[in-house]
Amino acid sequence: MNTGKLLAHIRKLKARRKELLPGLRLPTEGLPGSLAQSRGYCGSAGCHCHQEGGHLSWTLTFMIDRKKRVEHVPNELVDAVRLRVEQGNTYKSGVAELMAINAQLLILERRARKQQEAAGKRRADR
């Protein structure tokens, strides 16, 4: 990539980083992981679950200290938990994008600096 294109790409990444930063606010009530719905059958022979496809159940799955946790979520809390998981995942995605931009900038700025130094040496040798 020539120096002009490299510098244009660096400017684009810096603009995206500047755009991203104001929206990165740590959600105080955000939750990690994912919310999943499942259906299960109870042991009662006359229960409606055998005709209607099972009892509806929700779980929150997340990691703590590199260990997977799965916690039951009562039906009345599903909407609130879903919102909190979305907030946590949005924040996590934004931070991941920001870190990726920073890594790209580290590499590209170094490459641009080397290209500019080489161009300066070529001019001095003339």
Protein backbone atom coordinates (compact mmCIF):
# COMPACT_ATOMS: atom_id res chain seq x y z
CA MET A 1 0.00 0.00 0.00
CA ASN A 2 1.46 3.36 -0.96
CA THR A 3 1.94 6.06 1.65
CA GLY A 4 -1.02 8.15 0.47
CA LYS A 5 -3.45 5.24 0.74
CA LEU A 6 -1.91 4.21 4.05
CA LEU A 7 -2.39 7.68 5.52
CA ALA A 8 -5.98 7.82 4.20
CA HIS A 9 -6.73 4.48 5.88
CA ILE A 10 -5.19 5.74 9.13
CA ARG A 11 -7.39 8.86 8.99
CA LYS A 12 -10.47 6.69 8.38
CA LEU A 13 -9.67 4.46 11.38
CA LYS A 14 -9.04 7.45 13.64
CA ALA A 15 -12.36 8.98 12.56
CA ARG A 16 -14.16 5.71 13.36
CA ARG A 17 -12.44 5.57 16.75
CA LYS A 18 -13.49 9.14 17.48
CA GLU A 19 -17.07 8.27 16.46
CA LEU A 20 -17.08 5.13 18.61
CA LEU A 21 -15.71 6.56 21.87
CA PRO A 22 -18.66 8.73 22.97
CA GLY A 23 -21.03 5.76 22.77
CA LEU A 24 -18.87 3.52 24.93
CA ARG A 25 -20.39 3.93 28.35
CA LEU A 26 -20.08 1.02 30.73
CA PRO A 27 -23.65 -0.10 31.49
CA THR A 28 -23.87 -0.28 35.28
CA GLU A 29 -26.52 -3.00 35.10
CA GLY A 30 -25.22 -4.78 31.98
CA LEU A 31 -24.94 -8.55 31.99
CA PRO A 32 -22.55 -10.85 30.14
CA GLY A 33 -23.51 -13.94 28.20
CA SER A 34 -26.66 -14.98 26.44
CA LEU A 35 -30.30 -15.59 27.23
CA ALA A 36 -31.79 -18.82 25.88
CA GLN A 37 -35.29 -20.25 25.76
CA SER A 38 -36.00 -23.95 26.08
CA ARG A 39 -38.92 -26.26 26.65
CA GLY A 40 -39.05 -29.25 28.94
CA TYR A 41 -41.51 -31.86 30.12
CA CYS A 42 -42.40 -32.55 33.74
CA GLY A 43 -43.12 -35.95 35.21
CA SER A 44 -46.85 -35.39 35.64
CA ALA A 45 -48.74 -37.63 33.18
CA GLY A 46 -51.80 -35.34 32.98
CA CYS A 47 -49.90 -32.07 32.54
CA HIS A 48 -50.58 -29.82 29.54
CA CYS A 49 -46.87 -29.85 28.64
CA HIS A 50 -47.22 -33.25 26.95
CA GLN A 51 -49.75 -31.84 24.46
CA GLU A 52 -48.42 -28.27 24.15
CA GLY A 53 -44.72 -28.86 23.55
CA GLY A 54 -43.33 -28.52 27.05
CA HIS A 55 -42.96 -25.93 29.79
CA LEU A 56 -41.26 -22.71 28.70
CA SER A 57 -37.99 -22.03 30.53
CA TRP A 58 -35.27 -19.35 30.25
CA THR A 59 -31.59 -19.52 31.17
CA LEU A 60 -28.75 -17.02 31.29
CA THR A 61 -25.40 -18.53 30.30
CA PHE A 62 -22.16 -16.70 31.14
CA MET A 63 -18.57 -17.27 32.25
CA ILE A 64 -17.02 -16.48 35.64
CA ASP A 65 -13.38 -17.30 36.35
CA ARG A 66 -13.22 -19.35 33.12
CA LYS A 67 -16.12 -21.50 34.27
CA LYS A 68 -19.43 -21.66 32.45
CA ARG A 69 -22.49 -20.80 34.53
CA VAL A 70 -26.09 -21.44 33.56
CA GLU A 71 -28.73 -19.78 35.71
CA HIS A 72 -32.51 -20.11 35.50
CA VAL A 73 -34.33 -16.85 34.76
CA PRO A 74 -37.94 -16.59 36.01
CA ASN A 75 -40.46 -15.64 33.31
CA GLU A 76 -41.26 -12.32 35.00
CA LEU A 77 -37.59 -11.23 34.73
CA VAL A 78 -36.95 -12.28 31.12
CA ASP A 79 -37.56 -8.85 29.55
CA ALA A 80 -35.37 -7.04 32.09
CA VAL A 81 -32.59 -9.64 31.80
CA ARG A 82 -32.77 -9.53 27.98
CA LEU A 83 -32.29 -5.75 28.03
CA ARG A 84 -29.34 -6.02 30.42
CA VAL A 85 -27.69 -8.74 28.29
CA GLU A 86 -28.14 -6.59 25.16
CA GLN A 87 -26.53 -3.63 26.97
CA GLY A 88 -23.59 -5.79 28.06
CA ASN A 89 -23.10 -7.28 24.60
CA THR A 90 -23.33 -3.88 22.89
CA TYR A 91 -20.65 -2.51 25.20
CA LYS A 92 -18.46 -5.57 24.74
CA SER A 93 -18.75 -5.33 20.93
CA GLY A 94 -17.87 -1.63 20.99
CA VAL A 95 -14.79 -2.22 23.15
CA ALA A 96 -13.69 -5.09 20.88
CA GLU A 97 -14.02 -2.85 17.82
CA LEU A 98 -12.08 -0.08 19.55
CA MET A 99 -9.26 -2.46 20.50
CA ALA A 100 -9.12 -3.81 16.94
CA ILE A 101 -8.88 -0.26 15.57
CA ASN A 102 -6.06 0.52 18.01
CA ALA A 103 -4.16 -2.60 16.91
CA GLN A 104 -4.60 -1.69 13.24
CA LEU A 105 -3.42 1.86 13.91
CA LEU A 106 -0.32 0.59 15.71
CA ILE A 107 0.66 -1.48 12.66
CA LEU A 108 -0.33 1.05 9.99
CA GLU A 109 1.29 4.04 11.70
CA ARG A 110 4.53 2.09 12.06
CA ARG A 111 4.38 1.08 8.39
CA ALA A 112 3.67 4.69 7.31
CA ARG A 113 6.56 5.97 9.41
CA LYS A 114 8.95 3.45 7.79
CA GLN A 115 7.73 4.40 4.31
CA GLN A 116 8.18 8.10 5.04
CA GLU A 117 11.70 7.50 6.39
CA ALA A 118 12.61 5.46 3.30
CA ALA A 119 11.24 8.18 1.02
CA GLY A 120 13.27 10.80 2.92
CA LYS A 121 16.45 8.74 2.51
CA ARG A 122 15.81 8.34 -1.21
CA ARG A 123 15.43 12.12 -1.55
CA ALA A 124 18.62 12.74 0.46
CA ASP A 125 20.60 10.32 -1.74
CA ARG A 126 19.77 12.25 -4.91
